[in-house]
Every structure is written in structure tokens, then in C-alpha cells.
C-alpha atoms as a PDB file:
ATOM      1  CA  UNK A   1     -31.155  -4.654  32.070  1.00  0.00           C
ATOM      2  CA  UNK A   2     -31.039  -0.878  32.550  1.00  0.00           C
ATOM      3  CA  UNK A   3     -32.441   1.477  29.973  1.00  0.00           C
ATOM      4  CA  UNK A   4     -31.160   4.943  29.077  1.00  0.00           C
ATOM      5  CA  UNK A   5     -32.457   7.641  31.398  1.00  0.00           C
ATOM      6  CA  UNK A   6     -32.747  10.269  28.656  1.00  0.00           C
ATOM      7  CA  UNK A   7     -33.006  10.206  24.895  1.00  0.00           C
ATOM      8  CA  UNK A   8     -29.876  11.267  22.981  1.00  0.00           C
ATOM      9  CA  UNK A   9     -30.386  14.208  20.667  1.00  0.00           C
ATOM     10  CA  UNK A  10     -30.240  13.670  16.887  1.00  0.00           C
ATOM     11  CA  UNK A  11     -27.071  15.748  16.735  1.00  0.00           C
ATOM     12  CA  UNK A  12     -25.320  13.521  19.260  1.00  0.00           C
ATOM     13  CA  UNK A  13     -26.561  10.374  17.523  1.00  0.00           C
ATOM     14  CA  UNK A  14     -25.572  11.569  14.042  1.00  0.00           C
ATOM     15  CA  UNK A  15     -22.152  12.802  15.105  1.00  0.00           C
ATOM     16  CA  UNK A  16     -21.441   9.350  16.510  1.00  0.00           C
ATOM     17  CA  UNK A  17     -22.579   7.658  13.301  1.00  0.00           C
ATOM     18  CA  UNK A  18     -20.617   9.999  11.047  1.00  0.00           C
ATOM     19  CA  UNK A  19     -17.325   8.341  12.026  1.00  0.00           C
ATOM     20  CA  UNK A  20     -18.371   5.148  10.222  1.00  0.00           C
ATOM     21  CA  UNK A  21     -18.601   6.879   6.838  1.00  0.00           C
ATOM     22  CA  UNK A  22     -15.217   8.580   6.734  1.00  0.00           C
ATOM     23  CA  UNK A  23     -13.024   7.741   3.758  1.00  0.00           C
ATOM     24  CA  UNK A  24      -9.529   6.540   4.538  1.00  0.00           C
ATOM     25  CA  UNK A  25      -6.773   7.270   2.044  1.00  0.00           C
ATOM     26  CA  UNK A  26      -4.853   4.158   1.087  1.00  0.00           C
ATOM     27  CA  UNK A  27      -1.105   4.591   0.822  1.00  0.00           C
ATOM     28  CA  UNK A  28       0.384   4.353  -2.643  1.00  0.00           C
ATOM     29  CA  UNK A  29       3.923   3.816  -3.856  1.00  0.00           C
ATOM     30  CA  UNK A  30       5.571   3.725  -7.244  1.00  0.00           C
ATOM     31  CA  UNK A  31       6.899   0.573  -8.862  1.00  0.00           C
ATOM     32  CA  UNK A  32      10.667   0.657  -9.334  1.00  0.00           C
ATOM     33  CA  UNK A  33      10.409  -1.434 -12.487  1.00  0.00           C
ATOM     34  CA  UNK A  34       7.531   0.042 -14.530  1.00  0.00           C
ATOM     35  CA  UNK A  35       6.713   3.253 -12.623  1.00  0.00           C
ATOM     36  CA  UNK A  36       2.998   2.541 -12.123  1.00  0.00           C
ATOM     37  CA  UNK A  37       1.443   3.168  -8.707  1.00  0.00           C
ATOM     38  CA  UNK A  38       0.280   0.349  -6.440  1.00  0.00           C
ATOM     39  CA  UNK A  39      -0.240  -0.383  -2.743  1.00  0.00           C
ATOM     40  CA  UNK A  40       2.966  -0.632  -0.721  1.00  0.00           C
ATOM     41  CA  UNK A  41       4.300  -4.072   0.266  1.00  0.00           C
ATOM     42  CA  UNK A  42       2.426  -5.784  -2.558  1.00  0.00           C
ATOM     43  CA  UNK A  43       3.381  -7.177  -5.949  1.00  0.00           C
ATOM     44  CA  UNK A  44       2.909  -4.710  -8.790  1.00  0.00           C
ATOM     45  CA  UNK A  45      -0.231  -5.819 -10.682  1.00  0.00           C
ATOM     46  CA  UNK A  46       1.106  -4.382 -13.955  1.00  0.00           C
ATOM     47  CA  UNK A  47       4.535  -6.006 -14.228  1.00  0.00           C
ATOM     48  CA  UNK A  48       4.647  -8.610 -11.420  1.00  0.00           C
ATOM     49  CA  UNK A  49       7.781  -7.264  -9.721  1.00  0.00           C
ATOM     50  CA  UNK A  50       8.296  -6.921  -5.959  1.00  0.00           C
ATOM     51  CA  UNK A  51      11.496  -5.535  -4.483  1.00  0.00           C
ATOM     52  CA  UNK A  52      13.213  -5.457  -7.874  1.00  0.00           C
ATOM     53  CA  UNK A  53      12.617  -9.161  -8.521  1.00  0.00           C
ATOM     54  CA  UNK A  54      10.099 -10.862 -10.789  1.00  0.00           C
ATOM     55  CA  UNK A  55       7.663 -12.668  -8.514  1.00  0.00           C
ATOM     56  CA  UNK A  56       4.572 -13.213 -10.647  1.00  0.00           C
ATOM     57  CA  UNK A  57       5.127 -13.568 -14.404  1.00  0.00           C
ATOM     58  CA  UNK A  58       2.500 -11.619 -16.315  1.00  0.00           C
ATOM     59  CA  UNK A  59       0.583 -13.273 -19.121  1.00  0.00           C
ATOM     60  CA  UNK A  60       0.853 -11.802 -22.594  1.00  0.00           C
ATOM     61  CA  UNK A  61      -2.413 -11.619 -24.470  1.00  0.00           C
ATOM     62  CA  UNK A  62      -2.330 -13.213 -27.912  1.00  0.00           C
ATOM     63  CA  UNK A  63      -3.702 -11.095 -30.717  1.00  0.00           C
ATOM     64  CA  UNK A  64      -6.499 -12.527 -32.799  1.00  0.00           C
ATOM     65  CA  UNK A  65      -5.289 -13.160 -36.316  1.00  0.00           C
ATOM     66  CA  UNK A  66      -7.547 -13.777 -39.248  1.00  0.00           C
ATOM     67  CA  UNK A  67      -6.632 -15.836 -42.302  1.00  0.00           C
ATOM     68  CA  UNK A  68      -3.260 -14.966 -43.775  1.00  0.00           C
ATOM     69  CA  UNK A  69      -3.389 -12.278 -46.428  1.00  0.00           C
ATOM     70  CA  UNK A  70      -1.504 -14.290 -49.033  1.00  0.00           C
ATOM     71  CA  UNK A  71      -3.812 -17.289 -48.892  1.00  0.00           C
ATOM     72  CA  UNK A  72      -7.125 -15.425 -48.780  1.00  0.00           C
ATOM     73  CA  UNK A  73      -6.931 -14.171 -52.390  1.00  0.00           C
ATOM     74  CA  UNK A  74      -5.971 -17.476 -54.037  1.00  0.00           C
ATOM     75  CA  UNK A  75      -8.516 -19.376 -56.161  1.00  0.00           C
END
């Protein structure tokens, strides 16, 4: 197997490697239902709508309730 005839300079080597570390901007679009931003062509993670239709119903978190106020003071 042939070997390189000459050594590449550090500048040439590093300029080649620099292309692997570039940051690519991801496209964003606004949700027509709630107005939050998300990636295009995906379901909105906030409301679950895609194309104006409910696709994934979102779960509502239940609030933690302590003992009822009226019963806690009774003896």
C-alpha cells in the first residue's frame, strides 16, 4: 500500500478537520395552535398538534393535594 510522499502541514490538516466541528442551525417553525417554536414537520411537543389537528394528546399533571382544610381542624 502506498504511503504519502510528503507530510501535510498542520495548517492543511487542521483546516480539513475544522469542517467536522461546524454548528448547523436547525430550522424552526411556529406552532399554529399554541405559538411555541418547534422543528418543522414534527408534532408540537407542547400541545400535541400537527397540521391543525390533535395528534398526540398531552397529559395533564395532577396537583398534589394535602388533607382537606375542613377536616384537618376537627377533633
